[in-house]
Amino acid sequence: MYDIVIVGAGPAGASAAIFTAKAGKKTLVIDSDQSITKRAWVENHYGVMETTGPDLVELGKKQASKFGAEFVQDKVVQVAKQEEGFKVQTENNEYQAKHVILATGLLVDLAEAIGLATKPGTEPRIKTVLQVDENGKTSIDGIWAAGTCAGVSVHTIITAGDGAKVAINVISELNGERYVDHDVLKS
């Protein structure tokens, strides 16, 4: 069983995976390769002079992999609550997880199929987002949402930060105490 399954490997999902894997949580990221970031040119992301969206997505995945996150190319079709955690069903497989983070960008069809509460989006061209609290919790305990699908601005720097925030909150819940990850310069 995975501690956390993350649906989506764009900036929100990969950022969440960096934090969860680095914290030693068994992390699986399932990605259907539909991130709008793959069509972006990025010059407004802190720490990056300029890059293509595809390069930014690949770098995020490499960073998360470095800490032990696993990646699977597949499409999640259902998430179901079980006695302990969740069954995450894809087109080709199924996985077990204690927690699920949805980082599906513009796509909310999976969330609607699961039965999560939604609300109107506020960004241009984003009609529907998931209803989440300030920590990223959805209307089903154990399912979290981060990034554009959770109602934050579609800018990569903002969705990445939201993914990190939600990951910290999931890790804290799993640990039973507030989790903080501060790296220091190596001498």
C-alpha atoms as a PDB file:
ATOM      1  CA  MET A   1       0.000   0.000   0.000  1.00  0.00           C
ATOM      2  CA  TYR A   2       1.236   3.459  -0.886  1.00  0.00           C
ATOM      3  CA  ASP A   3       1.127   6.225   1.701  1.00  0.00           C
ATOM      4  CA  ILE A   4       0.111   8.658  -1.029  1.00  0.00           C
ATOM      5  CA  VAL A   5      -1.057   8.308  -4.616  1.00  0.00           C
ATOM      6  CA  ILE A   6      -0.910  11.565  -6.560  1.00  0.00           C
ATOM      7  CA  VAL A   7      -3.013  11.894  -9.699  1.00  0.00           C
ATOM      8  CA  GLY A   8      -1.210  14.213 -12.127  1.00  0.00           C
ATOM      9  CA  ALA A   9       2.489  14.977 -12.675  1.00  0.00           C
ATOM     10  CA  GLY A  10       2.307  18.640 -13.647  1.00  0.00           C
ATOM     11  CA  PRO A  11       3.765  21.319 -11.361  1.00  0.00           C
ATOM     12  CA  ALA A  12       1.268  20.684  -8.509  1.00  0.00           C
ATOM     13  CA  GLY A  13       1.545  16.902  -8.591  1.00  0.00           C
ATOM     14  CA  ALA A  14       5.309  16.671  -9.053  1.00  0.00           C
ATOM     15  CA  SER A  15       5.899  19.310  -6.380  1.00  0.00           C
ATOM     16  CA  ALA A  16       3.712  17.342  -3.962  1.00  0.00           C
ATOM     17  CA  ALA A  17       5.656  14.183  -4.859  1.00  0.00           C
ATOM     18  CA  ILE A  18       8.997  15.878  -4.161  1.00  0.00           C
ATOM     19  CA  PHE A  19       7.899  16.655  -0.613  1.00  0.00           C
ATOM     20  CA  THR A  20       6.128  13.359   0.130  1.00  0.00           C
ATOM     21  CA  ALA A  21       8.925  11.177  -1.232  1.00  0.00           C
ATOM     22  CA  LYS A  22      11.621  13.262   0.463  1.00  0.00           C
ATOM     23  CA  ALA A  23       9.713  12.804   3.745  1.00  0.00           C
ATOM     24  CA  GLY A  24      10.053   9.036   3.284  1.00  0.00           C
ATOM     25  CA  LYS A  25       6.426   8.442   2.340  1.00  0.00           C
ATOM     26  CA  LYS A  26       5.820   5.707  -0.214  1.00  0.00           C
ATOM     27  CA  THR A  27       4.622   7.828  -3.144  1.00  0.00           C
ATOM     28  CA  LEU A  28       3.125   6.900  -6.495  1.00  0.00           C
ATOM     29  CA  VAL A  29       2.309   9.479  -9.162  1.00  0.00           C
ATOM     30  CA  ILE A  30      -0.115   8.417 -11.886  1.00  0.00           C
ATOM     31  CA  ASP A  31      -0.067  10.684 -14.912  1.00  0.00           C
ATOM     32  CA  SER A  32      -2.138  10.662 -18.095  1.00  0.00           C
ATOM     33  CA  ASP A  33       0.169  13.152 -19.866  1.00  0.00           C
ATOM     34  CA  GLN A  34      -2.538  15.824 -20.259  1.00  0.00           C
ATOM     35  CA  SER A  35      -0.865  18.698 -18.382  1.00  0.00           C
ATOM     36  CA  ILE A  36      -1.462  22.105 -19.957  1.00  0.00           C
ATOM     37  CA  THR A  37       2.043  22.984 -18.777  1.00  0.00           C
ATOM     38  CA  LYS A  38       3.296  20.815 -21.648  1.00  0.00           C
ATOM     39  CA  ARG A  39       2.149  23.648 -23.968  1.00  0.00           C
ATOM     40  CA  ALA A  40       3.687  26.486 -21.940  1.00  0.00           C
ATOM     41  CA  TRP A  41       6.670  28.782 -22.281  1.00  0.00           C
ATOM     42  CA  VAL A  42       7.782  29.751 -18.763  1.00  0.00           C
ATOM     43  CA  GLU A  43       9.610  32.969 -17.797  1.00  0.00           C
ATOM     44  CA  ASN A  44       7.712  33.837 -14.617  1.00  0.00           C
ATOM     45  CA  HIS A  45       8.697  30.904 -12.400  1.00  0.00           C
ATOM     46  CA  TYR A  46      10.981  31.793  -9.473  1.00  0.00           C
ATOM     47  CA  GLY A  47      14.482  30.393  -9.929  1.00  0.00           C
ATOM     48  CA  VAL A  48      14.018  29.688 -13.636  1.00  0.00           C
ATOM     49  CA  MET A  49      15.188  32.250 -16.199  1.00  0.00           C
ATOM     50  CA  GLU A  50      13.184  30.625 -18.980  1.00  0.00           C
ATOM     51  CA  THR A  51      12.203  27.120 -19.967  1.00  0.00           C
ATOM     52  CA  THR A  52       9.650  25.159 -21.887  1.00  0.00           C
ATOM     53  CA  GLY A  53       6.690  23.632 -20.098  1.00  0.00           C
ATOM     54  CA  PRO A  54       7.731  20.102 -21.122  1.00  0.00           C
ATOM     55  CA  ASP A  55      11.219  20.682 -19.673  1.00  0.00           C
ATOM     56  CA  LEU A  56       9.751  22.053 -16.420  1.00  0.00           C
ATOM     57  CA  VAL A  57       7.471  19.003 -16.088  1.00  0.00           C
ATOM     58  CA  GLU A  58      10.350  16.580 -16.753  1.00  0.00           C
ATOM     59  CA  LEU A  59      12.610  18.335 -14.228  1.00  0.00           C
ATOM     60  CA  GLY A  60       9.879  18.119 -11.571  1.00  0.00           C
ATOM     61  CA  LYS A  61       9.453  14.410 -12.225  1.00  0.00           C
ATOM     62  CA  LYS A  62      13.236  13.860 -12.014  1.00  0.00           C
ATOM     63  CA  GLN A  63      13.412  15.723  -8.690  1.00  0.00           C
ATOM     64  CA  ALA A  64      10.606  13.609  -7.225  1.00  0.00           C
ATOM     65  CA  SER A  65      12.168  10.391  -8.586  1.00  0.00           C
ATOM     66  CA  LYS A  66      15.479  11.344  -6.944  1.00  0.00           C
ATOM     67  CA  PHE A  67      13.725  11.052  -3.570  1.00  0.00           C
ATOM     68  CA  GLY A  68      12.012   7.766  -4.429  1.00  0.00           C
ATOM     69  CA  ALA A  69       8.659   8.739  -5.945  1.00  0.00           C
ATOM     70  CA  GLU A  70       7.411   6.213  -8.479  1.00  0.00           C
ATOM     71  CA  PHE A  71       5.733   7.294 -11.732  1.00  0.00           C
ATOM     72  CA  VAL A  72       3.213   5.399 -13.840  1.00  0.00           C
ATOM     73  CA  GLN A  73       1.829   6.541 -17.201  1.00  0.00           C
ATOM     74  CA  ASP A  74      -1.892   5.685 -17.015  1.00  0.00           C
ATOM     75  CA  LYS A  75      -5.303   7.269 -16.545  1.00  0.00           C
ATOM     76  CA  VAL A  76      -7.125   7.056 -13.220  1.00  0.00           C
ATOM     77  CA  VAL A  77     -10.773   6.187 -13.791  1.00  0.00           C
ATOM     78  CA  GLN A  78     -12.022   5.787 -10.201  1.00  0.00           C
ATOM     79  CA  VAL A  79     -11.031   6.258  -6.580  1.00  0.00           C
ATOM     80  CA  ALA A  80     -13.029   4.312  -3.997  1.00  0.00           C
ATOM     81  CA  LYS A  81     -12.932   4.465  -0.205  1.00  0.00           C
ATOM     82  CA  GLN A  82     -12.087   1.140   1.400  1.00  0.00           C
ATOM     83  CA  GLU A  83     -11.977  -0.051   4.986  1.00  0.00           C
ATOM     84  CA  GLU A  84      -8.395   1.197   5.126  1.00  0.00           C
ATOM     85  CA  GLY A  85      -7.531   3.932   2.635  1.00  0.00           C
ATOM     86  CA  PHE A  86      -8.478   3.964  -1.036  1.00  0.00           C
ATOM     87  CA  LYS A  87      -8.452   1.793  -4.132  1.00  0.00           C
ATOM     88  CA  VAL A  88      -7.190   3.826  -7.095  1.00  0.00           C
ATOM     89  CA  GLN A  89      -8.373   2.229 -10.334  1.00  0.00           C
ATOM     90  CA  THR A  90      -6.620   3.068 -13.605  1.00  0.00           C
ATOM     91  CA  GLU A  91      -7.356   1.906 -17.126  1.00  0.00           C
ATOM     92  CA  ASN A  92      -4.662  -0.766 -16.715  1.00  0.00           C
ATOM     93  CA  ASN A  93      -4.170  -1.470 -13.015  1.00  0.00           C
ATOM     94  CA  GLU A  94      -5.239  -0.729  -9.469  1.00  0.00           C
ATOM     95  CA  TYR A  95      -3.342   0.600  -6.482  1.00  0.00           C
ATOM     96  CA  GLN A  96      -3.969   0.981  -2.747  1.00  0.00           C
ATOM     97  CA  ALA A  97      -3.259   4.228  -0.908  1.00  0.00           C
ATOM     98  CA  LYS A  98      -3.754   5.737   2.527  1.00  0.00           C
ATOM     99  CA  HIS A  99      -4.252   9.204   0.979  1.00  0.00           C
ATOM    100  CA  VAL A 100      -4.897  10.519  -2.525  1.00  0.00           C
ATOM    101  CA  ILE A 101      -3.915  13.937  -3.871  1.00  0.00           C
ATOM    102  CA  LEU A 102      -5.710  15.070  -7.014  1.00  0.00           C
ATOM    103  CA  ALA A 103      -3.519  17.407  -9.082  1.00  0.00           C
ATOM    104  CA  THR A 104      -5.465  17.109 -12.316  1.00  0.00           C
ATOM    105  CA  GLY A 105      -5.137  20.696 -13.540  1.00  0.00           C
ATOM    106  CA  LEU A 106      -8.125  21.762 -15.627  1.00  0.00           C
ATOM    107  CA  LEU A 107      -9.710  18.309 -15.481  1.00  0.00           C
ATOM    108  CA  VAL A 108     -12.361  17.652 -12.837  1.00  0.00           C
ATOM    109  CA  ASP A 109     -14.214  14.731 -14.448  1.00  0.00           C
ATOM    110  CA  LEU A 110     -12.507  12.184 -12.166  1.00  0.00           C
ATOM    111  CA  ALA A 111     -13.355  14.261  -9.082  1.00  0.00           C
ATOM    112  CA  GLU A 112     -16.976  14.501 -10.195  1.00  0.00           C
ATOM    113  CA  ALA A 113     -17.078  10.710 -10.769  1.00  0.00           C
ATOM    114  CA  ILE A 114     -15.747  10.184  -7.238  1.00  0.00           C
ATOM    115  CA  GLY A 115     -18.512  12.444  -5.905  1.00  0.00           C
ATOM    116  CA  LEU A 116     -16.354  15.294  -4.612  1.00  0.00           C
ATOM    117  CA  ALA A 117     -17.982  18.660  -4.006  1.00  0.00           C
ATOM    118  CA  THR A 118     -17.224  21.265  -6.678  1.00  0.00           C
ATOM    119  CA  LYS A 119     -17.804  24.975  -7.128  1.00  0.00           C
ATOM    120  CA  PRO A 120     -17.516  27.499  -9.971  1.00  0.00           C
ATOM    121  CA  GLY A 121     -13.969  28.429 -10.954  1.00  0.00           C
ATOM    122  CA  THR A 122     -12.745  32.029 -10.839  1.00  0.00           C
ATOM    123  CA  GLU A 123      -9.932  31.855 -13.431  1.00  0.00           C
ATOM    124  CA  PRO A 124     -10.710  32.618 -17.078  1.00  0.00           C
ATOM    125  CA  ARG A 125     -11.772  29.450 -18.958  1.00  0.00           C
ATOM    126  CA  ILE A 126     -11.895  27.364 -15.766  1.00  0.00           C
ATOM    127  CA  LYS A 127     -15.554  26.577 -15.192  1.00  0.00           C
ATOM    128  CA  THR A 128     -15.382  24.156 -12.271  1.00  0.00           C
ATOM    129  CA  VAL A 129     -12.936  23.480  -9.422  1.00  0.00           C
ATOM    130  CA  LEU A 130     -12.999  21.255  -6.372  1.00  0.00           C
ATOM    131  CA  GLN A 131     -14.240  22.582  -3.093  1.00  0.00           C
ATOM    132  CA  VAL A 132     -11.305  22.348  -0.670  1.00  0.00           C
ATOM    133  CA  ASP A 133     -10.461  23.807   2.719  1.00  0.00           C
ATOM    134  CA  GLU A 134      -7.333  25.890   3.379  1.00  0.00           C
ATOM    135  CA  ASN A 135      -5.277  22.689   3.792  1.00  0.00           C
ATOM    136  CA  GLY A 136      -6.380  21.126   0.506  1.00  0.00           C
ATOM    137  CA  LYS A 137      -8.884  18.672   2.002  1.00  0.00           C
ATOM    138  CA  THR A 138     -11.842  17.791  -0.205  1.00  0.00           C
ATOM    139  CA  SER A 139     -15.320  16.697   0.841  1.00  0.00           C
ATOM    140  CA  ILE A 140     -14.080  13.089   1.268  1.00  0.00           C
ATOM    141  CA  ASP A 141     -11.677  12.524   4.155  1.00  0.00           C
ATOM    142  CA  GLY A 142      -8.306  11.308   2.825  1.00  0.00           C
ATOM    143  CA  ILE A 143      -8.730  12.798  -0.652  1.00  0.00           C
ATOM    144  CA  TRP A 144      -6.907  16.072  -1.116  1.00  0.00           C
ATOM    145  CA  ALA A 145      -6.595  18.435  -4.094  1.00  0.00           C
ATOM    146  CA  ALA A 146      -3.816  20.777  -5.202  1.00  0.00           C
ATOM    147  CA  GLY A 147      -3.227  23.240  -8.007  1.00  0.00           C
ATOM    148  CA  THR A 148      -5.648  24.490 -10.618  1.00  0.00           C
ATOM    149  CA  CYS A 149      -8.263  21.789  -9.916  1.00  0.00           C
ATOM    150  CA  ALA A 150      -8.296  23.069  -6.305  1.00  0.00           C
ATOM    151  CA  GLY A 151      -9.037  26.615  -7.439  1.00  0.00           C
ATOM    152  CA  VAL A 152      -5.604  28.246  -7.361  1.00  0.00           C
ATOM    153  CA  SER A 153      -4.253  30.293 -10.242  1.00  0.00           C
ATOM    154  CA  VAL A 154      -3.044  28.297 -13.253  1.00  0.00           C
ATOM    155  CA  HIS A 155       0.473  29.832 -13.133  1.00  0.00           C
ATOM    156  CA  THR A 156       3.086  27.093 -12.668  1.00  0.00           C
ATOM    157  CA  ILE A 157       4.769  28.779  -9.691  1.00  0.00           C
ATOM    158  CA  ILE A 158       1.434  28.995  -7.861  1.00  0.00           C
ATOM    159  CA  THR A 159       0.294  25.460  -8.621  1.00  0.00           C
ATOM    160  CA  ALA A 160       3.719  24.085  -7.635  1.00  0.00           C
ATOM    161  CA  GLY A 161       3.558  25.957  -4.337  1.00  0.00           C
ATOM    162  CA  ASP A 162       0.045  24.696  -3.697  1.00  0.00           C
ATOM    163  CA  GLY A 163       1.175  21.118  -4.384  1.00  0.00           C
ATOM    164  CA  ALA A 164       3.976  21.535  -1.827  1.00  0.00           C
ATOM    165  CA  LYS A 165       1.555  23.026   0.720  1.00  0.00           C
ATOM    166  CA  VAL A 166      -0.938  20.193   0.362  1.00  0.00           C
ATOM    167  CA  ALA A 167       1.861  17.593   0.564  1.00  0.00           C
ATOM    168  CA  ILE A 168       3.119  19.124   3.827  1.00  0.00           C
ATOM    169  CA  ASN A 169      -0.420  18.905   5.212  1.00  0.00           C
ATOM    170  CA  VAL A 170      -0.813  15.244   4.175  1.00  0.00           C
ATOM    171  CA  ILE A 171       2.605  14.358   5.631  1.00  0.00           C
ATOM    172  CA  SER A 172       1.667  16.153   8.863  1.00  0.00           C
ATOM    173  CA  GLU A 173      -1.550  14.151   9.095  1.00  0.00           C
ATOM    174  CA  LEU A 174       0.274  10.874   8.457  1.00  0.00           C
ATOM    175  CA  ASN A 175       2.949  11.743  11.055  1.00  0.00           C
ATOM    176  CA  GLY A 176       0.488  13.001  13.669  1.00  0.00           C
ATOM    177  CA  GLU A 177       2.469  16.238  14.050  1.00  0.00           C
ATOM    178  CA  ARG A 178       3.405  19.251  11.944  1.00  0.00           C
ATOM    179  CA  TYR A 179       6.039  18.356   9.357  1.00  0.00           C
ATOM    180  CA  VAL A 180       8.700  20.845   8.289  1.00  0.00           C
ATOM    181  CA  ASP A 181      11.370  20.237   5.645  1.00  0.00           C
ATOM    182  CA  HIS A 182      14.264  22.684   5.771  1.00  0.00           C
ATOM    183  CA  ASP A 183      17.472  21.872   3.945  1.00  0.00           C
ATOM    184  CA  VAL A 184      20.705  23.571   4.999  1.00  0.00           C
ATOM    185  CA  LEU A 185      23.818  24.321   2.991  1.00  0.00           C
ATOM    186  CA  LYS A 186      26.308  21.497   2.987  1.00  0.00           C
ATOM    187  CA  SER A 187      29.783  22.516   4.114  1.00  0.00           C
END
